[in-house]
PDB file of all heavy atoms in Angstrom:
ATOM      1  N   MET A   1      -6.007  12.562   0.633  1.00  0.00           N
ATOM      2  CA  MET A   1      -5.254  12.812   1.861  1.00  0.00           C
ATOM      3  C   MET A   1      -5.136  11.560   2.750  1.00  0.00           C
ATOM      4  O   MET A   1      -4.838  11.677   3.938  1.00  0.00           O
ATOM      5  CB  MET A   1      -5.872  13.961   2.674  1.00  0.00           C
ATOM      6  CG  MET A   1      -5.893  15.273   1.934  1.00  0.00           C
ATOM      7  SD  MET A   1      -4.238  15.787   1.388  1.00  0.00           S
ATOM      8  CE  MET A   1      -4.583  17.398   0.710  1.00  0.00           C
ATOM      9  N   THR A   2      -5.322  10.394   2.180  1.00  0.00           N
ATOM     10  CA  THR A   2      -5.092   9.150   2.907  1.00  0.00           C
ATOM     11  C   THR A   2      -3.665   8.679   2.647  1.00  0.00           C
ATOM     12  O   THR A   2      -2.993   9.156   1.726  1.00  0.00           O
ATOM     13  CB  THR A   2      -6.070   8.067   2.441  1.00  0.00           C
ATOM     14  OG1 THR A   2      -5.841   7.808   1.041  1.00  0.00           O
ATOM     15  CG2 THR A   2      -7.513   8.505   2.650  1.00  0.00           C
ATOM     16  N   PRO A   3      -3.156   7.732   3.444  1.00  0.00           N
ATOM     17  CA  PRO A   3      -1.812   7.182   3.169  1.00  0.00           C
ATOM     18  C   PRO A   3      -1.699   6.612   1.761  1.00  0.00           C
ATOM     19  O   PRO A   3      -0.672   6.771   1.094  1.00  0.00           O
ATOM     20  CB  PRO A   3      -1.658   6.109   4.242  1.00  0.00           C
ATOM     21  CG  PRO A   3      -2.500   6.595   5.378  1.00  0.00           C
ATOM     22  CD  PRO A   3      -3.697   7.238   4.738  1.00  0.00           C
ATOM     23  N   ARG A   4      -2.756   5.940   1.282  1.00  0.00           N
ATOM     24  CA  ARG A   4      -2.725   5.396  -0.080  1.00  0.00           C
ATOM     25  C   ARG A   4      -2.624   6.521  -1.116  1.00  0.00           C
ATOM     26  O   ARG A   4      -1.942   6.394  -2.146  1.00  0.00           O
ATOM     27  CB  ARG A   4      -3.990   4.565  -0.318  1.00  0.00           C
ATOM     28  CG  ARG A   4      -4.156   4.044  -1.748  1.00  0.00           C
ATOM     29  CD  ARG A   4      -3.180   2.950  -2.109  1.00  0.00           C
ATOM     30  NE  ARG A   4      -3.335   2.525  -3.482  1.00  0.00           N
ATOM     31  CZ  ARG A   4      -4.261   1.678  -3.931  1.00  0.00           C
ATOM     32  NH1 ARG A   4      -5.143   1.143  -3.073  1.00  0.00           N
ATOM     33  NH2 ARG A   4      -4.313   1.343  -5.199  1.00  0.00           N
ATOM     34  N   TYR A   5      -3.296   7.624  -0.849  1.00  0.00           N
ATOM     35  CA  TYR A   5      -3.240   8.787  -1.742  1.00  0.00           C
ATOM     36  C   TYR A   5      -1.797   9.297  -1.856  1.00  0.00           C
ATOM     37  O   TYR A   5      -1.288   9.543  -2.957  1.00  0.00           O
ATOM     38  CB  TYR A   5      -4.161   9.864  -1.188  1.00  0.00           C
ATOM     39  CG  TYR A   5      -4.192  11.181  -1.938  1.00  0.00           C
ATOM     40  CD1 TYR A   5      -4.978  11.345  -3.073  1.00  0.00           C
ATOM     41  CD2 TYR A   5      -3.480  12.292  -1.475  1.00  0.00           C
ATOM     42  CE1 TYR A   5      -5.043  12.553  -3.740  1.00  0.00           C
ATOM     43  CE2 TYR A   5      -3.531  13.507  -2.134  1.00  0.00           C
ATOM     44  CZ  TYR A   5      -4.318  13.634  -3.265  1.00  0.00           C
ATOM     45  OH  TYR A   5      -4.379  14.845  -3.923  1.00  0.00           O
ATOM     46  N   ALA A   6      -1.125   9.443  -0.722  1.00  0.00           N
ATOM     47  CA  ALA A   6       0.261   9.906  -0.729  1.00  0.00           C
ATOM     48  C   ALA A   6       1.159   8.913  -1.456  1.00  0.00           C
ATOM     49  O   ALA A   6       2.075   9.305  -2.197  1.00  0.00           O
ATOM     50  CB  ALA A   6       0.743  10.121   0.701  1.00  0.00           C
ATOM     51  N   TRP A   7       0.905   7.622  -1.252  1.00  0.00           N
ATOM     52  CA  TRP A   7       1.707   6.586  -1.913  1.00  0.00           C
ATOM     53  C   TRP A   7       1.548   6.659  -3.437  1.00  0.00           C
ATOM     54  O   TRP A   7       2.535   6.596  -4.170  1.00  0.00           O
ATOM     55  CB  TRP A   7       1.294   5.209  -1.404  1.00  0.00           C
ATOM     56  CG  TRP A   7       1.894   4.071  -2.178  1.00  0.00           C
ATOM     57  CD1 TRP A   7       1.295   3.326  -3.150  1.00  0.00           C
ATOM     58  CD2 TRP A   7       3.238   3.568  -2.073  1.00  0.00           C
ATOM     59  NE1 TRP A   7       2.150   2.391  -3.659  1.00  0.00           N
ATOM     60  CE2 TRP A   7       3.358   2.516  -3.010  1.00  0.00           C
ATOM     61  CE3 TRP A   7       4.323   3.902  -1.281  1.00  0.00           C
ATOM     62  CZ2 TRP A   7       4.542   1.800  -3.171  1.00  0.00           C
ATOM     63  CZ3 TRP A   7       5.504   3.183  -1.440  1.00  0.00           C
ATOM     64  CH2 TRP A   7       5.605   2.153  -2.380  1.00  0.00           C
ATOM     65  N   GLU A   8       0.326   6.809  -3.898  1.00  0.00           N
ATOM     66  CA  GLU A   8       0.092   6.884  -5.340  1.00  0.00           C
ATOM     67  C   GLU A   8       0.727   8.135  -5.937  1.00  0.00           C
ATOM     68  O   GLU A   8       1.278   8.098  -7.039  1.00  0.00           O
ATOM     69  CB  GLU A   8      -1.415   6.859  -5.628  1.00  0.00           C
ATOM     70  CG  GLU A   8      -2.125   5.585  -5.220  1.00  0.00           C
ATOM     71  CD  GLU A   8      -1.713   4.376  -6.047  1.00  0.00           C
ATOM     72  OE1 GLU A   8      -0.999   4.545  -7.047  1.00  0.00           O
ATOM     73  OE2 GLU A   8      -2.119   3.249  -5.693  1.00  0.00           O
ATOM     74  N   LEU A   9       0.645   9.250  -5.229  1.00  0.00           N
ATOM     75  CA  LEU A   9       1.298  10.466  -5.718  1.00  0.00           C
ATOM     76  C   LEU A   9       2.797  10.269  -5.882  1.00  0.00           C
ATOM     77  O   LEU A   9       3.416  10.774  -6.814  1.00  0.00           O
ATOM     78  CB  LEU A   9       1.041  11.629  -4.755  1.00  0.00           C
ATOM     79  CG  LEU A   9      -0.312  12.342  -4.824  1.00  0.00           C
ATOM     80  CD1 LEU A   9      -0.380  13.438  -3.776  1.00  0.00           C
ATOM     81  CD2 LEU A   9      -0.558  12.925  -6.204  1.00  0.00           C
ATOM     82  N   ALA A  10       3.380   9.516  -4.958  1.00  0.00           N
ATOM     83  CA  ALA A  10       4.829   9.338  -4.971  1.00  0.00           C
ATOM     84  C   ALA A  10       5.300   8.304  -5.982  1.00  0.00           C
ATOM     85  O   ALA A  10       6.446   8.375  -6.451  1.00  0.00           O
ATOM     86  CB  ALA A  10       5.310   8.934  -3.569  1.00  0.00           C
ATOM     87  N   THR A  11       4.437   7.348  -6.348  1.00  0.00           N
ATOM     88  CA  THR A  11       4.908   6.215  -7.154  1.00  0.00           C
ATOM     89  C   THR A  11       4.300   6.141  -8.554  1.00  0.00           C
ATOM     90  O   THR A  11       4.804   5.391  -9.396  1.00  0.00           O
ATOM     91  CB  THR A  11       4.602   4.892  -6.422  1.00  0.00           C
ATOM     92  OG1 THR A  11       3.184   4.774  -6.228  1.00  0.00           O
ATOM     93  CG2 THR A  11       5.314   4.848  -5.075  1.00  0.00           C
ATOM     94  N   ALA A  12       3.240   6.890  -8.837  1.00  0.00           N
ATOM     95  CA  ALA A  12       2.596   6.818 -10.150  1.00  0.00           C
ATOM     96  C   ALA A  12       3.535   7.316 -11.241  1.00  0.00           C
ATOM     97  O   ALA A  12       4.337   8.237 -11.029  1.00  0.00           O
ATOM     98  CB  ALA A  12       1.315   7.646 -10.150  1.00  0.00           C
ATOM     99  N   GLY A  13       3.435   6.705 -12.409  1.00  0.00           N
ATOM    100  CA  GLY A  13       4.252   7.164 -13.530  1.00  0.00           C
ATOM    101  C   GLY A  13       3.760   8.472 -14.103  1.00  0.00           C
ATOM    102  O   GLY A  13       4.546   9.319 -14.527  1.00  0.00           O
ATOM    103  N   THR A  14       2.434   8.665 -14.105  1.00  0.00           N
ATOM    104  CA  THR A  14       1.831   9.886 -14.626  1.00  0.00           C
ATOM    105  C   THR A  14       0.807  10.426 -13.634  1.00  0.00           C
ATOM    106  O   THR A  14      -0.021   9.666 -13.120  1.00  0.00           O
ATOM    107  CB  THR A  14       1.128   9.633 -15.973  1.00  0.00           C
ATOM    108  OG1 THR A  14       2.064   9.091 -16.908  1.00  0.00           O
ATOM    109  CG2 THR A  14       0.549  10.932 -16.531  1.00  0.00           C
ATOM    110  N   LEU A  15       0.883  11.703 -13.355  1.00  0.00           N
ATOM    111  CA  LEU A  15      -0.081  12.382 -12.497  1.00  0.00           C
ATOM    112  C   LEU A  15      -0.912  13.321 -13.373  1.00  0.00           C
ATOM    113  O   LEU A  15      -0.355  14.069 -14.175  1.00  0.00           O
ATOM    114  CB  LEU A  15       0.628  13.188 -11.412  1.00  0.00           C
ATOM    115  CG  LEU A  15       1.599  12.418 -10.512  1.00  0.00           C
ATOM    116  CD1 LEU A  15       2.340  13.392  -9.602  1.00  0.00           C
ATOM    117  CD2 LEU A  15       0.869  11.370  -9.698  1.00  0.00           C
ATOM    118  N   VAL A  16      -2.233  13.275 -13.212  1.00  0.00           N
ATOM    119  CA  VAL A  16      -3.118  14.124 -14.000  1.00  0.00           C
ATOM    120  C   VAL A  16      -3.916  15.005 -13.045  1.00  0.00           C
ATOM    121  O   VAL A  16      -4.526  14.502 -12.097  1.00  0.00           O
ATOM    122  CB  VAL A  16      -4.081  13.290 -14.867  1.00  0.00           C
ATOM    123  CG1 VAL A  16      -4.949  14.209 -15.727  1.00  0.00           C
ATOM    124  CG2 VAL A  16      -3.304  12.316 -15.747  1.00  0.00           C
ATOM    125  N   ALA A  17      -3.901  16.301 -13.276  1.00  0.00           N
ATOM    126  CA  ALA A  17      -4.628  17.240 -12.425  1.00  0.00           C
ATOM    127  C   ALA A  17      -5.332  18.263 -13.296  1.00  0.00           C
ATOM    128  O   ALA A  17      -4.904  18.549 -14.414  1.00  0.00           O
ATOM    129  CB  ALA A  17      -3.680  17.950 -11.466  1.00  0.00           C
ATOM    130  N   ASN A  18      -6.443  18.817 -12.772  1.00  0.00           N
ATOM    131  CA  ASN A  18      -7.079  19.926 -13.485  1.00  0.00           C
ATOM    132  C   ASN A  18      -6.963  21.224 -12.691  1.00  0.00           C
ATOM    133  O   ASN A  18      -7.549  22.227 -13.039  1.00  0.00           O
ATOM    134  CB  ASN A  18      -8.534  19.617 -13.834  1.00  0.00           C
ATOM    135  CG  ASN A  18      -9.436  19.598 -12.614  1.00  0.00           C
ATOM    136  OD1 ASN A  18      -8.979  19.691 -11.475  1.00  0.00           O
ATOM    137  ND2 ASN A  18     -10.727  19.457 -12.849  1.00  0.00           N
ATOM    138  N   GLN A  19      -6.196  21.190 -11.614  1.00  0.00           N
ATOM    139  CA  GLN A  19      -5.835  22.407 -10.905  1.00  0.00           C
ATOM    140  C   GLN A  19      -4.503  22.211 -10.185  1.00  0.00           C
ATOM    141  O   GLN A  19      -3.473  22.602 -10.685  1.00  0.00           O
ATOM    142  CB  GLN A  19      -6.899  22.867  -9.922  1.00  0.00           C
ATOM    143  CG  GLN A  19      -6.521  24.184  -9.238  1.00  0.00           C
ATOM    144  CD  GLN A  19      -7.688  24.845  -8.529  1.00  0.00           C
ATOM    145  OE1 GLN A  19      -8.802  24.351  -8.512  1.00  0.00           O
ATOM    146  NE2 GLN A  19      -7.441  26.005  -7.948  1.00  0.00           N
ATOM    147  N   SER A  20      -4.523  21.568  -9.020  1.00  0.00           N
ATOM    148  CA  SER A  20      -3.265  21.402  -8.296  1.00  0.00           C
ATOM    149  C   SER A  20      -3.335  20.203  -7.372  1.00  0.00           C
ATOM    150  O   SER A  20      -4.417  19.738  -7.006  1.00  0.00           O
ATOM    151  CB  SER A  20      -2.947  22.659  -7.478  1.00  0.00           C
ATOM    152  OG  SER A  20      -3.991  22.915  -6.546  1.00  0.00           O
ATOM    153  N   PHE A  21      -2.173  19.711  -7.004  1.00  0.00           N
ATOM    154  CA  PHE A  21      -2.056  18.695  -5.982  1.00  0.00           C
ATOM    155  C   PHE A  21      -1.726  19.391  -4.657  1.00  0.00           C
ATOM    156  O   PHE A  21      -1.427  20.590  -4.632  1.00  0.00           O
ATOM    157  CB  PHE A  21      -0.949  17.704  -6.346  1.00  0.00           C
ATOM    158  CG  PHE A  21      -1.310  16.815  -7.506  1.00  0.00           C
ATOM    159  CD1 PHE A  21      -0.672  16.940  -8.730  1.00  0.00           C
ATOM    160  CD2 PHE A  21      -2.297  15.846  -7.366  1.00  0.00           C
ATOM    161  CE1 PHE A  21      -1.011  16.135  -9.793  1.00  0.00           C
ATOM    162  CE2 PHE A  21      -2.642  15.024  -8.425  1.00  0.00           C
ATOM    163  CZ  PHE A  21      -1.998  15.170  -9.640  1.00  0.00           C
ATOM    164  N   PRO A  22      -1.782  18.678  -3.535  1.00  0.00           N
ATOM    165  CA  PRO A  22      -1.416  19.299  -2.253  1.00  0.00           C
ATOM    166  C   PRO A  22      -0.042  19.948  -2.308  1.00  0.00           C
ATOM    167  O   PRO A  22       0.855  19.491  -3.019  1.00  0.00           O
ATOM    168  CB  PRO A  22      -1.444  18.111  -1.277  1.00  0.00           C
ATOM    169  CG  PRO A  22      -2.383  17.144  -1.892  1.00  0.00           C
ATOM    170  CD  PRO A  22      -2.188  17.269  -3.373  1.00  0.00           C
ATOM    171  N   HIS A  23       0.121  21.025  -1.552  1.00  0.00           N
ATOM    172  CA  HIS A  23       1.357  21.804  -1.644  1.00  0.00           C
ATOM    173  C   HIS A  23       2.585  21.003  -1.242  1.00  0.00           C
ATOM    174  O   HIS A  23       3.707  21.324  -1.647  1.00  0.00           O
ATOM    175  CB  HIS A  23       1.250  23.059  -0.769  1.00  0.00           C
ATOM    176  CG  HIS A  23       1.187  22.762   0.700  1.00  0.00           C
ATOM    177  ND1 HIS A  23       2.319  22.660   1.472  1.00  0.00           N
ATOM    178  CD2 HIS A  23       0.138  22.542   1.533  1.00  0.00           C
ATOM    179  CE1 HIS A  23       1.965  22.394   2.720  1.00  0.00           C
ATOM    180  NE2 HIS A  23       0.643  22.321   2.786  1.00  0.00           N
ATOM    181  N   TRP A  24       2.388  19.929  -0.460  1.00  0.00           N
ATOM    182  CA  TRP A  24       3.535  19.143  -0.018  1.00  0.00           C
ATOM    183  C   TRP A  24       3.969  18.101  -1.041  1.00  0.00           C
ATOM    184  O   TRP A  24       5.012  17.478  -0.900  1.00  0.00           O
ATOM    185  CB  TRP A  24       3.225  18.440   1.314  1.00  0.00           C
ATOM    186  CG  TRP A  24       1.874  17.801   1.397  1.00  0.00           C
ATOM    187  CD1 TRP A  24       0.773  18.309   2.006  1.00  0.00           C
ATOM    188  CD2 TRP A  24       1.474  16.536   0.855  1.00  0.00           C
ATOM    189  NE1 TRP A  24      -0.296  17.446   1.898  1.00  0.00           N
ATOM    190  CE2 TRP A  24       0.109  16.348   1.197  1.00  0.00           C
ATOM    191  CE3 TRP A  24       2.134  15.537   0.134  1.00  0.00           C
ATOM    192  CZ2 TRP A  24      -0.603  15.207   0.816  1.00  0.00           C
ATOM    193  CZ3 TRP A  24       1.429  14.402  -0.249  1.00  0.00           C
ATOM    194  CH2 TRP A  24       0.078  14.245   0.101  1.00  0.00           C
ATOM    195  N   ALA A  25       3.190  17.908  -2.084  1.00  0.00           N
ATOM    196  CA  ALA A  25       3.538  16.903  -3.093  1.00  0.00           C
ATOM    197  C   ALA A  25       4.653  17.420  -3.999  1.00  0.00           C
ATOM    198  O   ALA A  25       4.621  18.560  -4.451  1.00  0.00           O
ATOM    199  CB  ALA A  25       2.306  16.547  -3.919  1.00  0.00           C
ATOM    200  N   ARG A  26       5.620  16.576  -4.264  1.00  0.00           N
ATOM    201  CA  ARG A  26       6.725  16.905  -5.161  1.00  0.00           C
ATOM    202  C   ARG A  26       6.909  15.779  -6.170  1.00  0.00           C
ATOM    203  O   ARG A  26       7.055  14.619  -5.787  1.00  0.00           O
ATOM    204  CB  ARG A  26       8.035  17.112  -4.375  1.00  0.00           C
ATOM    205  CG  ARG A  26       8.022  18.327  -3.457  1.00  0.00           C
ATOM    206  CD  ARG A  26       8.003  19.619  -4.247  1.00  0.00           C
ATOM    207  NE  ARG A  26       7.982  20.786  -3.389  1.00  0.00           N
ATOM    208  CZ  ARG A  26       6.880  21.387  -2.964  1.00  0.00           C
ATOM    209  NH1 ARG A  26       5.693  20.920  -3.318  1.00  0.00           N
ATOM    210  NH2 ARG A  26       6.943  22.447  -2.198  1.00  0.00           N
ATOM    211  N   THR A  27       6.891  16.112  -7.440  1.00  0.00           N
ATOM    212  CA  THR A  27       7.034  15.091  -8.465  1.00  0.00           C
ATOM    213  C   THR A  27       8.499  14.691  -8.610  1.00  0.00           C
ATOM    214  O   THR A  27       9.408  15.507  -8.422  1.00  0.00           O
ATOM    215  CB  THR A  27       6.516  15.582  -9.819  1.00  0.00           C
ATOM    216  OG1 THR A  27       7.185  16.810 -10.169  1.00  0.00           O
ATOM    217  CG2 THR A  27       5.022  15.844  -9.754  1.00  0.00           C
ATOM    218  N   ARG A  28       8.710  13.421  -8.952  1.00  0.00           N
ATOM    219  CA  ARG A  28      10.049  12.934  -9.230  1.00  0.00           C
ATOM    220  C   ARG A  28      10.387  13.192 -10.701  1.00  0.00           C
ATOM    221  O   ARG A  28       9.504  13.401 -11.532  1.00  0.00           O
ATOM    222  CB  ARG A  28      10.122  11.427  -8.935  1.00  0.00           C
ATOM    223  CG  ARG A  28       9.939  11.091  -7.454  1.00  0.00           C
ATOM    224  CD  ARG A  28       9.949   9.587  -7.200  1.00  0.00           C
ATOM    225  NE  ARG A  28       8.726   8.958  -7.692  1.00  0.00           N
ATOM    226  CZ  ARG A  28       8.658   8.168  -8.747  1.00  0.00           C
ATOM    227  NH1 ARG A  28       9.748   7.943  -9.474  1.00  0.00           N
ATOM    228  NH2 ARG A  28       7.515   7.620  -9.114  1.00  0.00           N
ATOM    229  N   ARG A  29      11.664  13.180 -11.020  1.00  0.00           N
ATOM    230  CA  ARG A  29      12.094  13.450 -12.392  1.00  0.00           C
ATOM    231  C   ARG A  29      11.504  12.445 -13.374  1.00  0.00           C
ATOM    232  O   ARG A  29      11.276  12.761 -14.544  1.00  0.00           O
ATOM    233  CB  ARG A  29      13.620  13.427 -12.478  1.00  0.00           C
ATOM    234  CG  ARG A  29      14.289  14.614 -11.807  1.00  0.00           C
ATOM    235  CD  ARG A  29      15.796  14.569 -12.014  1.00  0.00           C
ATOM    236  NE  ARG A  29      16.464  15.704 -11.391  1.00  0.00           N
ATOM    237  CZ  ARG A  29      16.623  16.887 -11.981  1.00  0.00           C
ATOM    238  NH1 ARG A  29      16.153  17.074 -13.209  1.00  0.00           N
ATOM    239  NH2 ARG A  29      17.242  17.873 -11.362  1.00  0.00           N
ATOM    240  N   SER A  30      11.280  11.240 -12.911  1.00  0.00           N
ATOM    241  CA  SER A  30      10.765  10.193 -13.794  1.00  0.00           C
ATOM    242  C   SER A  30       9.253  10.290 -14.010  1.00  0.00           C
ATOM    243  O   SER A  30       8.698   9.616 -14.877  1.00  0.00           O
ATOM    244  CB  SER A  30      11.090   8.816 -13.224  1.00  0.00           C
ATOM    245  OG  SER A  30      10.512   8.650 -11.938  1.00  0.00           O
ATOM    246  N   GLN A  31       8.569  11.123 -13.232  1.00  0.00           N
ATOM    247  CA  GLN A  31       7.125  11.235 -13.357  1.00  0.00           C
ATOM    248  C   GLN A  31       6.720  12.288 -14.390  1.00  0.00           C
ATOM    249  O   GLN A  31       7.423  13.276 -14.596  1.00  0.00           O
ATOM    250  CB  GLN A  31       6.495  11.612 -12.007  1.00  0.00           C
ATOM    251  CG  GLN A  31       6.519  10.501 -10.977  1.00  0.00           C
ATOM    252  CD  GLN A  31       5.902  10.940  -9.658  1.00  0.00           C
ATOM    253  OE1 GLN A  31       6.310  11.956  -9.079  1.00  0.00           O
ATOM    254  NE2 GLN A  31       4.931  10.178  -9.168  1.00  0.00           N
ATOM    255  N   VAL A  32       5.577  12.046 -15.003  1.00  0.00           N
ATOM    256  CA  VAL A  32       4.954  13.028 -15.895  1.00  0.00           C
ATOM    257  C   VAL A  32       3.785  13.659 -15.152  1.00  0.00           C
ATOM    258  O   VAL A  32       2.922  12.951 -14.633  1.00  0.00           O
ATOM    259  CB  VAL A  32       4.445  12.369 -17.195  1.00  0.00           C
ATOM    260  CG1 VAL A  32       3.646  13.374 -18.028  1.00  0.00           C
ATOM    261  CG2 VAL A  32       5.611  11.816 -18.001  1.00  0.00           C
TER     262      VAL A  32
END
């Protein structure tokens, strides 16, 4: 929940979770 956390969520090529990300996070079409 830091600014860097939000930045990484928005720009990473691949996101890995074992449950869920914050409800406000939205993946881009280019992200896995």
